[in-house]
C-alpha atoms as a PDB file:
ATOM      1  CA  MET A   1      55.360  27.429 -60.637  1.00  0.00           C
ATOM      2  CA  LYS A   2      57.862  29.589 -58.818  1.00  0.00           C
ATOM      3  CA  ASN A   3      59.292  28.168 -55.584  1.00  0.00           C
ATOM      4  CA  LEU A   4      57.563  29.637 -52.572  1.00  0.00           C
ATOM      5  CA  PRO A   5      59.599  31.567 -49.982  1.00  0.00           C
ATOM      6  CA  LYS A   6      60.887  29.516 -47.076  1.00  0.00           C
ATOM      7  CA  SER A   7      59.157  31.789 -44.579  1.00  0.00           C
ATOM      8  CA  VAL A   8      56.015  33.903 -45.101  1.00  0.00           C
ATOM      9  CA  ILE A   9      54.152  36.296 -42.815  1.00  0.00           C
ATOM     10  CA  ILE A  10      50.416  36.826 -43.365  1.00  0.00           C
ATOM     11  CA  SER A  11      49.270  40.080 -41.777  1.00  0.00           C
ATOM     12  CA  ARG A  12      45.643  40.627 -40.763  1.00  0.00           C
ATOM     13  CA  THR A  13      45.352  42.940 -37.791  1.00  0.00           C
ATOM     14  CA  ASP A  14      41.596  43.429 -37.499  1.00  0.00           C
ATOM     15  CA  ASN A  15      38.696  41.383 -36.124  1.00  0.00           C
ATOM     16  CA  LEU A  16      37.962  37.735 -35.438  1.00  0.00           C
ATOM     17  CA  GLY A  17      35.803  36.992 -38.481  1.00  0.00           C
ATOM     18  CA  ASP A  18      38.224  38.756 -40.818  1.00  0.00           C
ATOM     19  CA  VAL A  19      41.047  36.627 -39.460  1.00  0.00           C
ATOM     20  CA  VAL A  20      39.084  33.372 -39.843  1.00  0.00           C
ATOM     21  CA  VAL A  21      38.416  33.989 -43.548  1.00  0.00           C
ATOM     22  CA  THR A  22      42.118  34.822 -44.006  1.00  0.00           C
ATOM     23  CA  LEU A  23      43.419  31.572 -42.466  1.00  0.00           C
ATOM     24  CA  PRO A  24      42.861  29.624 -45.738  1.00  0.00           C
ATOM     25  CA  MET A  25      45.794  31.582 -47.186  1.00  0.00           C
ATOM     26  CA  ALA A  26      48.012  29.669 -44.763  1.00  0.00           C
ATOM     27  CA  GLY A  27      46.379  26.360 -45.668  1.00  0.00           C
ATOM     28  CA  PHE A  28      46.900  27.045 -49.367  1.00  0.00           C
ATOM     29  CA  ILE A  29      50.602  27.775 -48.916  1.00  0.00           C
ATOM     30  CA  LYS A  30      51.061  24.620 -46.864  1.00  0.00           C
ATOM     31  CA  SER A  31      49.255  22.603 -49.558  1.00  0.00           C
ATOM     32  CA  LEU A  32      51.874  23.731 -52.060  1.00  0.00           C
ATOM     33  CA  SER A  33      54.915  23.790 -49.796  1.00  0.00           C
ATOM     34  CA  PRO A  34      54.531  22.000 -46.434  1.00  0.00           C
ATOM     35  CA  SER A  35      58.014  23.094 -45.357  1.00  0.00           C
ATOM     36  CA  THR A  36      57.306  26.811 -45.726  1.00  0.00           C
ATOM     37  CA  LYS A  37      57.119  28.495 -42.322  1.00  0.00           C
ATOM     38  CA  ILE A  38      53.886  30.462 -41.894  1.00  0.00           C
ATOM     39  CA  SER A  39      53.746  33.292 -39.377  1.00  0.00           C
ATOM     40  CA  PHE A  40      50.541  35.227 -38.792  1.00  0.00           C
ATOM     41  CA  LEU A  41      50.678  38.842 -37.656  1.00  0.00           C
ATOM     42  CA  GLY A  42      47.538  39.810 -35.751  1.00  0.00           C
ATOM     43  CA  ASN A  43      46.048  41.475 -32.692  1.00  0.00           C
ATOM     44  CA  SER A  44      46.226  39.962 -29.219  1.00  0.00           C
ATOM     45  CA  TYR A  45      42.454  39.419 -29.248  1.00  0.00           C
ATOM     46  CA  THR A  46      42.639  37.060 -32.227  1.00  0.00           C
ATOM     47  CA  ARG A  47      45.683  35.137 -31.008  1.00  0.00           C
ATOM     48  CA  SER A  48      43.733  32.116 -29.773  1.00  0.00           C
ATOM     49  CA  VAL A  49      42.014  31.477 -33.101  1.00  0.00           C
ATOM     50  CA  ILE A  50      45.239  32.043 -35.059  1.00  0.00           C
ATOM     51  CA  GLU A  51      47.144  29.619 -32.859  1.00  0.00           C
ATOM     52  CA  ALA A  52      44.327  27.096 -33.296  1.00  0.00           C
ATOM     53  CA  CYS A  53      45.130  26.941 -37.023  1.00  0.00           C
ATOM     54  CA  SER A  54      47.271  23.891 -37.759  1.00  0.00           C
ATOM     55  CA  PHE A  55      48.759  25.645 -40.797  1.00  0.00           C
ATOM     56  CA  VAL A  56      50.213  28.546 -38.789  1.00  0.00           C
ATOM     57  CA  ASP A  57      53.619  27.945 -37.233  1.00  0.00           C
ATOM     58  CA  GLN A  58      54.011  31.207 -35.326  1.00  0.00           C
ATOM     59  CA  PHE A  59      51.834  34.054 -34.036  1.00  0.00           C
ATOM     60  CA  ILE A  60      53.296  37.570 -34.094  1.00  0.00           C
ATOM     61  CA  ASP A  61      51.549  40.139 -31.928  1.00  0.00           C
ATOM     62  CA  LYS A  62      51.071  43.589 -33.474  1.00  0.00           C
ATOM     63  CA  LYS A  63      51.609  45.080 -30.032  1.00  0.00           C
ATOM     64  CA  ASP A  64      55.111  43.590 -29.914  1.00  0.00           C
ATOM     65  CA  VAL A  65      55.935  44.958 -33.359  1.00  0.00           C
ATOM     66  CA  LEU A  66      54.797  48.434 -32.321  1.00  0.00           C
ATOM     67  CA  GLN A  67      57.187  48.266 -29.388  1.00  0.00           C
ATOM     68  CA  ASN A  68      60.029  46.879 -31.477  1.00  0.00           C
ATOM     69  CA  PRO A  69      59.742  46.816 -35.296  1.00  0.00           C
ATOM     70  CA  MET A  70      62.698  44.431 -35.520  1.00  0.00           C
ATOM     71  CA  VAL A  71      60.442  41.659 -34.207  1.00  0.00           C
ATOM     72  CA  LEU A  72      59.567  41.204 -37.890  1.00  0.00           C
ATOM     73  CA  GLY A  73      63.242  41.011 -38.797  1.00  0.00           C
ATOM     74  CA  ASP A  74      63.790  38.390 -36.113  1.00  0.00           C
ATOM     75  CA  SER A  75      61.216  36.186 -37.840  1.00  0.00           C
ATOM     76  CA  LYS A  76      63.642  35.743 -40.783  1.00  0.00           C
ATOM     77  CA  ALA A  77      60.683  35.962 -43.150  1.00  0.00           C
ATOM     78  CA  ASN A  78      61.307  36.136 -46.887  1.00  0.00           C
ATOM     79  CA  ALA A  79      57.891  37.667 -47.602  1.00  0.00           C
ATOM     80  CA  ILE A  80      55.019  39.432 -45.871  1.00  0.00           C
ATOM     81  CA  ILE A  81      51.506  39.684 -47.325  1.00  0.00           C
ATOM     82  CA  PHE A  82      49.175  42.393 -46.056  1.00  0.00           C
ATOM     83  CA  ALA A  83      45.714  40.858 -46.298  1.00  0.00           C
ATOM     84  CA  LEU A  84      44.600  44.012 -44.477  1.00  0.00           C
ATOM     85  CA  PRO A  85      46.374  47.298 -45.181  1.00  0.00           C
ATOM     86  CA  ASP A  86      48.120  48.453 -42.015  1.00  0.00           C
ATOM     87  CA  LYS A  87      50.386  51.490 -42.312  1.00  0.00           C
ATOM     88  CA  GLU A  88      52.290  50.877 -39.084  1.00  0.00           C
ATOM     89  CA  MET A  89      52.984  47.225 -39.909  1.00  0.00           C
ATOM     90  CA  ALA A  90      53.955  48.061 -43.502  1.00  0.00           C
ATOM     91  CA  ARG A  91      56.444  50.618 -42.217  1.00  0.00           C
ATOM     92  CA  ALA A  92      57.838  48.085 -39.750  1.00  0.00           C
ATOM     93  CA  ALA A  93      58.192  45.438 -42.487  1.00  0.00           C
ATOM     94  CA  ALA A  94      60.151  47.874 -44.653  1.00  0.00           C
ATOM     95  CA  LYS A  95      62.363  48.831 -41.713  1.00  0.00           C
ATOM     96  CA  ALA A  96      62.991  45.138 -41.038  1.00  0.00           C
ATOM     97  CA  ASN A  97      64.077  44.716 -44.693  1.00  0.00           C
ATOM     98  CA  ILE A  98      61.735  41.813 -45.417  1.00  0.00           C
ATOM     99  CA  PRO A  99      62.652  41.104 -49.069  1.00  0.00           C
ATOM    100  CA  ILE A 100      59.111  40.735 -50.484  1.00  0.00           C
ATOM    101  CA  ARG A 101      56.382  43.018 -49.114  1.00  0.00           C
ATOM    102  CA  VAL A 102      52.996  42.617 -50.793  1.00  0.00           C
ATOM    103  CA  GLY A 103      50.108  45.052 -50.467  1.00  0.00           C
ATOM    104  CA  THR A 104      47.292  46.563 -52.492  1.00  0.00           C
ATOM    105  CA  SER A 105      48.159  49.389 -54.864  1.00  0.00           C
ATOM    106  CA  HIS A 106      45.339  51.707 -53.753  1.00  0.00           C
ATOM    107  CA  LYS A 107      46.953  52.605 -50.420  1.00  0.00           C
ATOM    108  CA  VAL A 108      49.418  55.470 -50.896  1.00  0.00           C
ATOM    109  CA  TYR A 109      51.663  54.285 -48.086  1.00  0.00           C
ATOM    110  CA  HIS A 110      52.093  50.924 -49.804  1.00  0.00           C
ATOM    111  CA  TRP A 111      54.000  52.754 -52.547  1.00  0.00           C
ATOM    112  CA  PHE A 112      56.552  53.697 -49.882  1.00  0.00           C
ATOM    113  CA  TYR A 113      56.668  50.488 -47.846  1.00  0.00           C
ATOM    114  CA  CYS A 114      55.589  47.615 -50.142  1.00  0.00           C
ATOM    115  CA  ASN A 115      57.770  46.626 -53.074  1.00  0.00           C
ATOM    116  CA  LYS A 116      55.101  44.372 -54.620  1.00  0.00           C
ATOM    117  CA  ARG A 117      51.669  45.870 -55.197  1.00  0.00           C
ATOM    118  CA  VAL A 118      48.499  44.260 -56.517  1.00  0.00           C
ATOM    119  CA  SER A 119      45.632  46.242 -58.028  1.00  0.00           C
ATOM    120  CA  PHE A 120      42.060  45.115 -57.298  1.00  0.00           C
ATOM    121  CA  SER A 121      38.917  46.453 -55.635  1.00  0.00           C
ATOM    122  CA  ARG A 122      37.327  44.605 -52.731  1.00  0.00           C
ATOM    123  CA  ARG A 123      34.338  46.927 -52.518  1.00  0.00           C
ATOM    124  CA  LYS A 124      33.271  46.462 -56.145  1.00  0.00           C
ATOM    125  CA  SER A 125      34.101  42.770 -56.490  1.00  0.00           C
ATOM    126  CA  ASP A 126      31.574  39.932 -56.542  1.00  0.00           C
ATOM    127  CA  LEU A 127      34.100  37.608 -54.903  1.00  0.00           C
ATOM    128  CA  HIS A 128      34.016  36.507 -51.280  1.00  0.00           C
ATOM    129  CA  GLU A 129      36.497  38.099 -48.868  1.00  0.00           C
ATOM    130  CA  ALA A 130      38.302  34.765 -48.525  1.00  0.00           C
ATOM    131  CA  GLN A 131      38.717  34.581 -52.319  1.00  0.00           C
ATOM    132  CA  LEU A 132      39.835  38.198 -52.637  1.00  0.00           C
ATOM    133  CA  ASN A 133      42.727  37.562 -50.237  1.00  0.00           C
ATOM    134  CA  PHE A 134      44.219  35.148 -52.758  1.00  0.00           C
ATOM    135  CA  LYS A 135      44.777  37.934 -55.292  1.00  0.00           C
ATOM    136  CA  LEU A 136      47.678  39.011 -53.109  1.00  0.00           C
ATOM    137  CA  PHE A 137      49.574  35.853 -54.077  1.00  0.00           C
ATOM    138  CA  LYS A 138      50.143  37.232 -57.582  1.00  0.00           C
ATOM    139  CA  PRO A 139      53.721  38.461 -56.909  1.00  0.00           C
ATOM    140  CA  LEU A 140      54.594  34.968 -55.625  1.00  0.00           C
ATOM    141  CA  GLU A 141      53.324  33.503 -58.918  1.00  0.00           C
ATOM    142  CA  VAL A 142      50.839  31.234 -57.164  1.00  0.00           C
ATOM    143  CA  LEU A 143      47.750  33.247 -57.987  1.00  0.00           C
ATOM    144  CA  THR A 144      44.559  31.272 -57.817  1.00  0.00           C
ATOM    145  CA  GLU A 145      40.860  31.980 -57.323  1.00  0.00           C
ATOM    146  CA  PRO A 146      39.857  29.231 -54.921  1.00  0.00           C
ATOM    147  CA  THR A 147      36.444  27.634 -54.848  1.00  0.00           C
ATOM    148  CA  PHE A 148      34.431  27.424 -51.647  1.00  0.00           C
ATOM    149  CA  ASP A 149      35.105  23.664 -51.582  1.00  0.00           C
ATOM    150  CA  GLN A 150      38.851  24.335 -51.536  1.00  0.00           C
ATOM    151  CA  ILE A 151      38.567  26.989 -48.846  1.00  0.00           C
ATOM    152  CA  LYS A 152      36.735  24.523 -46.588  1.00  0.00           C
ATOM    153  CA  ASP A 153      39.874  22.375 -46.486  1.00  0.00           C
ATOM    154  CA  TRP A 154      42.276  25.216 -45.736  1.00  0.00           C
ATOM    155  CA  TYR A 155      40.996  26.546 -42.378  1.00  0.00           C
ATOM    156  CA  GLY A 156      42.901  24.011 -40.280  1.00  0.00           C
ATOM    157  CA  LEU A 157      41.140  24.945 -37.033  1.00  0.00           C
ATOM    158  CA  GLU A 158      41.793  22.536 -34.173  1.00  0.00           C
ATOM    159  CA  PHE A 159      40.795  23.743 -30.707  1.00  0.00           C
ATOM    160  CA  ASN A 160      42.681  22.342 -27.728  1.00  0.00           C
ATOM    161  CA  ASN A 161      40.940  21.064 -24.626  1.00  0.00           C
ATOM    162  CA  THR A 162      40.694  23.918 -22.132  1.00  0.00           C
ATOM    163  CA  GLY A 163      39.696  21.555 -19.342  1.00  0.00           C
ATOM    164  CA  THR A 164      36.189  23.022 -19.212  1.00  0.00           C
ATOM    165  CA  ASN A 165      33.304  20.701 -18.387  1.00  0.00           C
ATOM    166  CA  PHE A 166      30.491  21.551 -20.816  1.00  0.00           C
ATOM    167  CA  SER A 167      28.155  18.724 -19.758  1.00  0.00           C
ATOM    168  CA  GLN A 168      25.789  21.054 -17.864  1.00  0.00           C
ATOM    169  CA  TRP A 169      25.248  23.073 -21.021  1.00  0.00           C
ATOM    170  CA  LEU A 170      24.921  20.346 -23.635  1.00  0.00           C
ATOM    171  CA  SER A 171      22.325  17.655 -24.334  1.00  0.00           C
ATOM    172  CA  GLU A 172      23.060  14.175 -25.659  1.00  0.00           C
ATOM    173  CA  GLU A 173      19.502  13.746 -26.953  1.00  0.00           C
ATOM    174  CA  LYS A 174      18.787  17.105 -28.590  1.00  0.00           C
ATOM    175  CA  PHE A 175      20.258  19.320 -31.311  1.00  0.00           C
ATOM    176  CA  ASN A 176      22.601  21.681 -29.468  1.00  0.00           C
ATOM    177  CA  LEU A 177      22.108  25.095 -31.067  1.00  0.00           C
ATOM    178  CA  ILE A 178      23.978  28.300 -30.286  1.00  0.00           C
ATOM    179  CA  ILE A 179      22.014  31.469 -30.934  1.00  0.00           C
ATOM    180  CA  HIS A 180      24.260  34.540 -30.974  1.00  0.00           C
ATOM    181  CA  PRO A 181      21.890  37.547 -31.299  1.00  0.00           C
ATOM    182  CA  LYS A 182      24.354  40.439 -31.055  1.00  0.00           C
ATOM    183  CA  SER A 183      27.416  41.331 -33.123  1.00  0.00           C
ATOM    184  CA  LYS A 184      29.291  44.040 -31.172  1.00  0.00           C
ATOM    185  CA  GLY A 185      28.285  46.402 -33.962  1.00  0.00           C
ATOM    186  CA  SER A 186      29.984  44.425 -36.729  1.00  0.00           C
ATOM    187  CA  ALA A 187      26.774  43.526 -38.598  1.00  0.00           C
ATOM    188  CA  LYS A 188      23.267  44.660 -39.430  1.00  0.00           C
ATOM    189  CA  GLU A 189      21.363  42.561 -36.899  1.00  0.00           C
ATOM    190  CA  TRP A 190      18.169  40.573 -37.347  1.00  0.00           C
ATOM    191  CA  GLY A 191      16.850  42.010 -34.076  1.00  0.00           C
ATOM    192  CA  VAL A 192      16.546  40.693 -30.535  1.00  0.00           C
ATOM    193  CA  GLU A 193      12.755  40.562 -30.814  1.00  0.00           C
ATOM    194  CA  ASN A 194      13.029  38.189 -33.765  1.00  0.00           C
ATOM    195  CA  TYR A 195      15.475  35.960 -31.921  1.00  0.00           C
ATOM    196  CA  ALA A 196      13.200  35.897 -28.856  1.00  0.00           C
ATOM    197  CA  GLU A 197      10.219  34.824 -30.958  1.00  0.00           C
ATOM    198  CA  LEU A 198      12.341  32.249 -32.799  1.00  0.00           C
ATOM    199  CA  VAL A 199      13.398  30.680 -29.493  1.00  0.00           C
ATOM    200  CA  ALA A 200       9.762  30.525 -28.392  1.00  0.00           C
ATOM    201  CA  GLN A 201       8.803  28.662 -31.571  1.00  0.00           C
ATOM    202  CA  LEU A 202      11.648  26.112 -31.698  1.00  0.00           C
ATOM    203  CA  PRO A 203      10.331  22.863 -30.175  1.00  0.00           C
ATOM    204  CA  GLU A 204      11.716  21.870 -26.808  1.00  0.00           C
ATOM    205  CA  LYS A 205      11.769  18.195 -27.782  1.00  0.00           C
ATOM    206  CA  ASP A 206      14.266  18.855 -30.587  1.00  0.00           C
ATOM    207  CA  PHE A 207      16.458  21.762 -29.470  1.00  0.00           C
ATOM    208  CA  ASN A 208      18.825  22.556 -26.638  1.00  0.00           C
ATOM    209  CA  ILE A 209      19.477  26.279 -27.117  1.00  0.00           C
ATOM    210  CA  LEU A 210      22.472  28.212 -25.798  1.00  0.00           C
ATOM    211  CA  ILE A 211      22.241  32.008 -25.927  1.00  0.00           C
ATOM    212  CA  THR A 212      25.766  33.400 -26.230  1.00  0.00           C
ATOM    213  CA  GLY A 213      27.479  36.776 -26.278  1.00  0.00           C
ATOM    214  CA  ILE A 214      29.658  38.910 -24.052  1.00  0.00           C
ATOM    215  CA  LYS A 215      28.428  39.872 -20.581  1.00  0.00           C
ATOM    216  CA  GLU A 216      27.212  43.312 -21.688  1.00  0.00           C
ATOM    217  CA  GLU A 217      25.186  41.765 -24.511  1.00  0.00           C
ATOM    218  CA  GLY A 218      23.585  39.351 -22.058  1.00  0.00           C
ATOM    219  CA  GLU A 219      22.569  42.225 -19.800  1.00  0.00           C
ATOM    220  CA  LEU A 220      21.087  44.041 -22.790  1.00  0.00           C
ATOM    221  CA  LEU A 221      19.063  40.962 -23.753  1.00  0.00           C
ATOM    222  CA  LYS A 222      17.747  40.672 -20.191  1.00  0.00           C
ATOM    223  CA  GLN A 223      16.555  44.274 -20.383  1.00  0.00           C
ATOM    224  CA  GLN A 224      15.049  44.179 -23.876  1.00  0.00           C
ATOM    225  CA  VAL A 225      13.758  40.605 -24.278  1.00  0.00           C
ATOM    226  CA  PRO A 226      13.892  38.864 -20.864  1.00  0.00           C
ATOM    227  CA  GLN A 227      11.473  36.239 -22.187  1.00  0.00           C
ATOM    228  CA  ILE A 228      14.214  34.797 -24.381  1.00  0.00           C
ATOM    229  CA  PHE A 229      15.682  33.083 -21.296  1.00  0.00           C
ATOM    230  CA  SER A 230      12.355  31.905 -19.842  1.00  0.00           C
ATOM    231  CA  HIS A 231      12.019  28.657 -21.786  1.00  0.00           C
ATOM    232  CA  PRO A 232      13.103  25.298 -20.296  1.00  0.00           C
ATOM    233  CA  HIS A 233      15.170  24.382 -23.382  1.00  0.00           C
ATOM    234  CA  VAL A 234      17.186  27.657 -23.269  1.00  0.00           C
ATOM    235  CA  LYS A 235      20.398  28.263 -21.346  1.00  0.00           C
ATOM    236  CA  ASP A 236      21.988  31.664 -20.746  1.00  0.00           C
ATOM    237  CA  VAL A 237      25.697  31.394 -21.530  1.00  0.00           C
ATOM    238  CA  THR A 238      26.359  35.115 -22.058  1.00  0.00           C
ATOM    239  CA  GLY A 239      29.569  36.224 -20.381  1.00  0.00           C
ATOM    240  CA  VAL A 240      30.269  32.745 -19.007  1.00  0.00           C
ATOM    241  CA  PHE A 241      33.279  31.686 -21.091  1.00  0.00           C
ATOM    242  CA  SER A 242      36.596  33.091 -22.212  1.00  0.00           C
ATOM    243  CA  LEU A 243      37.154  33.288 -25.971  1.00  0.00           C
ATOM    244  CA  GLU A 244      39.174  30.060 -25.846  1.00  0.00           C
ATOM    245  CA  GLN A 245      36.397  28.276 -23.959  1.00  0.00           C
ATOM    246  CA  PHE A 246      33.763  29.705 -26.282  1.00  0.00           C
ATOM    247  CA  MET A 247      35.601  28.384 -29.326  1.00  0.00           C
ATOM    248  CA  GLU A 248      35.799  24.950 -27.725  1.00  0.00           C
ATOM    249  CA  LEU A 249      32.079  25.133 -26.962  1.00  0.00           C
ATOM    250  CA  ILE A 250      31.390  25.910 -30.642  1.00  0.00           C
ATOM    251  CA  SER A 251      33.386  22.818 -31.573  1.00  0.00           C
ATOM    252  CA  LYS A 252      31.051  20.684 -29.415  1.00  0.00           C
ATOM    253  CA  VAL A 253      27.617  21.955 -30.518  1.00  0.00           C
ATOM    254  CA  ASP A 254      25.613  20.952 -33.587  1.00  0.00           C
ATOM    255  CA  GLY A 255      24.518  24.297 -34.970  1.00  0.00           C
ATOM    256  CA  PHE A 256      25.010  28.047 -34.864  1.00  0.00           C
ATOM    257  CA  VAL A 257      22.806  30.954 -35.955  1.00  0.00           C
ATOM    258  CA  ALA A 258      23.837  34.617 -36.019  1.00  0.00           C
ATOM    259  CA  GLY A 259      24.470  37.630 -38.170  1.00  0.00           C
ATOM    260  CA  SER A 260      27.845  38.205 -39.832  1.00  0.00           C
ATOM    261  CA  THR A 261      30.087  37.673 -36.794  1.00  0.00           C
ATOM    262  CA  GLY A 262      33.429  36.077 -36.045  1.00  0.00           C
ATOM    263  CA  PRO A 263      31.912  33.174 -34.084  1.00  0.00           C
ATOM    264  CA  LEU A 264      29.651  32.382 -37.072  1.00  0.00           C
ATOM    265  CA  HIS A 265      32.743  32.026 -39.289  1.00  0.00           C
ATOM    266  CA  ILE A 266      34.435  29.850 -36.661  1.00  0.00           C
ATOM    267  CA  ALA A 267      31.397  27.566 -36.551  1.00  0.00           C
ATOM    268  CA  SER A 268      31.270  27.253 -40.345  1.00  0.00           C
ATOM    269  CA  ALA A 269      35.021  26.588 -40.507  1.00  0.00           C
ATOM    270  CA  LEU A 270      34.492  23.718 -38.060  1.00  0.00           C
ATOM    271  CA  GLY A 271      31.832  22.213 -40.309  1.00  0.00           C
ATOM    272  CA  LYS A 272      28.915  22.985 -37.990  1.00  0.00           C
ATOM    273  CA  HIS A 273      25.401  23.558 -39.283  1.00  0.00           C
ATOM    274  CA  THR A 274      25.576  27.332 -39.525  1.00  0.00           C
ATOM    275  CA  LEU A 275      22.947  29.853 -40.552  1.00  0.00           C
ATOM    276  CA  GLY A 276      23.991  33.445 -41.208  1.00  0.00           C
ATOM    277  CA  ILE A 277      21.329  36.151 -41.472  1.00  0.00           C
ATOM    278  CA  TYR A 278      22.464  38.937 -43.805  1.00  0.00           C
ATOM    279  CA  PRO A 279      21.394  42.273 -45.302  1.00  0.00           C
ATOM    280  CA  PRO A 280      21.490  42.709 -49.100  1.00  0.00           C
ATOM    281  CA  ILE A 281      23.728  45.784 -48.770  1.00  0.00           C
ATOM    282  CA  ARG A 282      27.121  45.884 -50.456  1.00  0.00           C
ATOM    283  CA  PRO A 283      29.719  45.181 -49.156  1.00  0.00           C
ATOM    284  CA  MET A 284      27.978  43.545 -46.161  1.00  0.00           C
ATOM    285  CA  HIS A 285      26.001  41.097 -48.310  1.00  0.00           C
ATOM    286  CA  PRO A 286      26.586  37.314 -48.194  1.00  0.00           C
ATOM    287  CA  GLY A 287      28.369  37.325 -51.540  1.00  0.00           C
ATOM    288  CA  ARG A 288      31.220  39.005 -49.699  1.00  0.00           C
ATOM    289  CA  TRP A 289      30.848  37.624 -46.170  1.00  0.00           C
ATOM    290  CA  GLN A 290      28.708  34.472 -46.100  1.00  0.00           C
ATOM    291  CA  PRO A 291      29.948  31.604 -43.926  1.00  0.00           C
ATOM    292  CA  ILE A 292      31.963  29.035 -45.871  1.00  0.00           C
ATOM    293  CA  GLY A 293      31.959  25.490 -44.545  1.00  0.00           C
ATOM    294  CA  GLN A 294      30.756  21.941 -44.975  1.00  0.00           C
ATOM    295  CA  ASN A 295      27.295  22.784 -43.624  1.00  0.00           C
ATOM    296  CA  ALA A 296      27.145  26.564 -44.033  1.00  0.00           C
ATOM    297  CA  HIS A 297      23.943  28.347 -45.061  1.00  0.00           C
ATOM    298  CA  HIS A 298      22.661  31.896 -45.149  1.00  0.00           C
ATOM    299  CA  LEU A 299      19.463  33.889 -45.592  1.00  0.00           C
ATOM    300  CA  VAL A 300      19.167  37.260 -47.342  1.00  0.00           C
ATOM    301  CA  LEU A 301      16.318  39.228 -48.883  1.00  0.00           C
ATOM    302  CA  ASP A 302      16.405  38.932 -52.682  1.00  0.00           C
ATOM    303  CA  LYS A 303      16.838  42.592 -53.596  1.00  0.00           C
ATOM    304  CA  ASP A 304      19.466  45.289 -54.079  1.00  0.00           C
ATOM    305  CA  CYS A 305      19.388  47.782 -51.258  1.00  0.00           C
ATOM    306  CA  GLY A 306      21.523  50.592 -49.950  1.00  0.00           C
ATOM    307  CA  ASP A 307      18.873  52.525 -48.036  1.00  0.00           C
ATOM    308  CA  CYS A 308      20.026  51.306 -44.612  1.00  0.00           C
ATOM    309  CA  ARG A 309      23.762  51.644 -45.205  1.00  0.00           C
ATOM    310  CA  LYS A 310      24.235  54.491 -42.734  1.00  0.00           C
ATOM    311  CA  SER A 311      21.597  53.488 -40.189  1.00  0.00           C
ATOM    312  CA  GLU A 312      22.051  51.206 -37.197  1.00  0.00           C
ATOM    313  CA  THR A 313      19.148  48.991 -38.212  1.00  0.00           C
ATOM    314  CA  CYS A 314      18.238  47.429 -41.538  1.00  0.00           C
ATOM    315  CA  ALA A 315      14.624  46.900 -42.596  1.00  0.00           C
ATOM    316  CA  CYS A 316      15.698  44.356 -45.223  1.00  0.00           C
ATOM    317  CA  VAL A 317      17.438  42.010 -42.817  1.00  0.00           C
ATOM    318  CA  LYS A 318      14.571  42.310 -40.334  1.00  0.00           C
ATOM    319  CA  ALA A 319      12.158  41.399 -43.141  1.00  0.00           C
ATOM    320  CA  ILE A 320      13.532  37.845 -43.096  1.00  0.00           C
ATOM    321  CA  THR A 321      10.767  35.920 -41.384  1.00  0.00           C
ATOM    322  CA  ILE A 322      10.908  33.730 -38.321  1.00  0.00           C
ATOM    323  CA  ASN A 323       9.372  30.932 -40.378  1.00  0.00           C
ATOM    324  CA  GLN A 324      12.252  31.132 -42.877  1.00  0.00           C
ATOM    325  CA  VAL A 325      14.828  30.789 -40.118  1.00  0.00           C
ATOM    326  CA  LYS A 326      12.845  28.104 -38.316  1.00  0.00           C
ATOM    327  CA  ALA A 327      12.554  26.073 -41.525  1.00  0.00           C
ATOM    328  CA  LYS A 328      16.325  26.124 -42.017  1.00  0.00           C
ATOM    329  CA  LEU A 329      16.986  25.062 -38.430  1.00  0.00           C
ATOM    330  CA  THR A 330      14.380  22.313 -38.613  1.00  0.00           C
ATOM    331  CA  ALA A 331      16.105  21.006 -41.736  1.00  0.00           C
ATOM    332  CA  PHE A 332      19.382  20.927 -39.786  1.00  0.00           C
ATOM    333  CA  VAL A 333      17.812  18.683 -37.132  1.00  0.00           C
ATOM    334  CA  GLU A 334      16.326  16.368 -39.742  1.00  0.00           C
ATOM    335  CA  GLY A 335      19.683  16.106 -41.462  1.00  0.00           C
ATOM    336  CA  VAL A 336      21.626  15.074 -38.346  1.00  0.00           C
END
């Protein structure tokens, strides 16, 4: 095996969930070469989750690179891997003369700015997003197709104590379950009506339920399904916590249920009992985006469907029954 570079930048400048499933790249490198310095280039919004990864030595903010491309040169990196194509960052990496610049071959600008290009299709592949990222290691001669069991060990998420007292939100006697109904438009959603009925059917004696989301999502829930907050075993936590506090809260609960969202991937990475509710539409289907973790599960309708690709709602994901979800969550409680 070729010696790994002494310093590597992993670039993923999109959303929270995308970043979480990319973190195992850092864990893999550290498993082969603990002394290799790993920098992660991302957006300010994802900084807290990136810095929570024990395998990442340095966070580089895209905003800083846009202001001064030589920030990448100052990192003294020997290689940069673009897990997400980003024209501006690829141009900056070339300007900074990073010796090895790895990107996919299907982006025209990578032929100008990346000197190592890998050919593969994410859209047509049956592999998970986390596995597809590893194809970009080919120029470093450490190509591997990791199993889900390996990926579980390479997240490295460790959330620091923010000093927040969560005792008023959590129960010592019940299964603490986060229900995260909305996705900020990142997923085909199961529907707020389904979540409201699910909450009504989950037994109070077993569950302590926290409804989470940003403030605007909480206000929307209060307008559309106010009954979701009316039960004694339900707490409204929408808009209460910062992202850092929310991640610490996830680390303290027992379970998490949502569509394909960043917080769902954080919960699965932490080994929580997670349940993702997915549409059967490529490339949104669980084969590509299911949660990977010690206790990760998902539900999807057993069919091929593309009818709802361009619509806001998806009949197939809404066809998953409340009883199916309830059965999974009940099994979580029995297994704890």
